[in-house]
Each structure stands twice: as C-alpha cells, then as structure tokens.
Amino acid sequence: ALRPGLAVEAGALRDPNEPTQAELDPSMHAIVVSEETMPGAHAINEGRARRGYRPLEVRQGGGREGTGPGSVGL
C-alpha cells in the first residue's frame, strides 16, 4: 500500500550510456528494481556518489511485501 502523500514517479530507461533520472535527481530517495536490474541500481548509486548526492534506498520488487507480482511495500 502506498502512503498518502508519497510521490511515485516512473522513468523510462532510454539509453544505457546516459545517466538515468534517478542518478541525476538529488531529491529522489528510493528506487525499486527487480533482481535482474539490481546491478543497475548499484551503478546509479555510484553515479550519485560522484555527483555528491546521497545514495538511494534500493528496494527489490517481487511480491514479498505486496499482493502481486512486482509489488513492493512502500
């Protein structure tokens, strides 16, 4: 279940050679990834560190906390 007032934004991954919105936006707090994309989340946090931003909290989706495939408790 989402918390009231929680802003959730999905960003497209267009070019693997370009930084993602999650890497460039210092106001982001967390990222939800699949098991397969976990290495990408670590790469995003490395890019954030190079920019002086705090790391994102990384959450893995997959139904463990939610009620369906890909769900994650927020």
Foldseek 3Di string as FASTA:
>chain_A
DDDPPDDDDDFDDDDPVDQTPLLVDLPAAADEEAPVCVVVLVVSQVSNVVVVHHRHHYHYAQCPPHNDGRDDDD
